[in-house]
Protein backbone atom coordinates (compact mmCIF):
# COMPACT_ATOMS: atom_id res chain seq x y z
CA UNK A 1 -8.05 -9.06 -16.43
CA UNK A 2 -10.79 -11.81 -16.90
CA UNK A 3 -12.82 -9.99 -13.91
CA UNK A 4 -13.25 -7.03 -15.72
CA UNK A 5 -13.81 -8.67 -19.29
CA UNK A 6 -16.56 -10.66 -16.85
CA UNK A 7 -18.21 -7.59 -15.66
CA UNK A 8 -18.22 -5.99 -18.50
CA UNK A 9 -20.18 -8.69 -19.96
CA UNK A 10 -22.79 -8.87 -17.07
CA UNK A 11 -23.47 -5.08 -17.96
CA UNK A 12 -23.12 -5.17 -21.40
CA UNK A 13 -25.86 -8.29 -21.26
CA UNK A 14 -28.02 -7.03 -18.08
CA UNK A 15 -28.13 -3.27 -19.26
CA UNK A 16 -26.35 -2.31 -15.73
CA UNK A 17 -24.51 0.38 -17.64
CA UNK A 18 -25.45 2.43 -14.38
CA UNK A 19 -23.16 0.42 -12.63
CA UNK A 20 -20.02 1.71 -14.80
CA UNK A 21 -19.49 5.05 -12.73
CA UNK A 22 -19.92 3.61 -9.41
CA UNK A 23 -17.33 0.59 -9.93
CA UNK A 24 -15.15 3.63 -11.33
CA UNK A 25 -15.15 5.94 -8.70
CA UNK A 26 -14.54 2.86 -5.71
CA UNK A 27 -11.49 2.12 -8.06
CA UNK A 28 -10.10 5.53 -7.99
CA UNK A 29 -10.80 5.93 -4.04
CA UNK A 30 -9.24 2.45 -3.34
CA UNK A 31 -6.27 3.36 -5.53
CA UNK A 32 -6.13 6.43 -3.57
CA UNK A 33 -5.89 5.19 -0.17
CA UNK A 34 -3.32 2.49 -1.32
CA UNK A 35 -1.19 4.99 -3.01
CA UNK A 36 -1.12 7.49 0.06
CA UNK A 37 -0.92 4.72 2.46
CA UNK A 38 2.33 5.28 4.91
CA UNK A 39 3.26 8.78 3.41
CA UNK A 40 2.54 12.24 4.81
CA UNK A 41 -0.40 12.89 2.85
CA UNK A 42 -2.23 9.96 4.37
CA UNK A 43 -3.62 12.18 7.37
CA UNK A 44 -5.26 14.88 4.84
CA UNK A 45 -6.78 11.82 2.20
CA UNK A 46 -8.08 10.50 5.60
CA UNK A 47 -10.02 13.89 6.52
CA UNK A 48 -11.86 13.49 3.30
CA UNK A 49 -13.56 10.60 4.31
């Protein structure tokens, strides 16, 4: 959680709010890949990429 606070402080000070959507999308895709690893849905997820 400390990393998230430091990242938010960095974006706030440096005015880099455009990074927030990129980070959220990457985290969402990463969570999707981790959640579907080893399941029957995994081949369908990998065809998206």
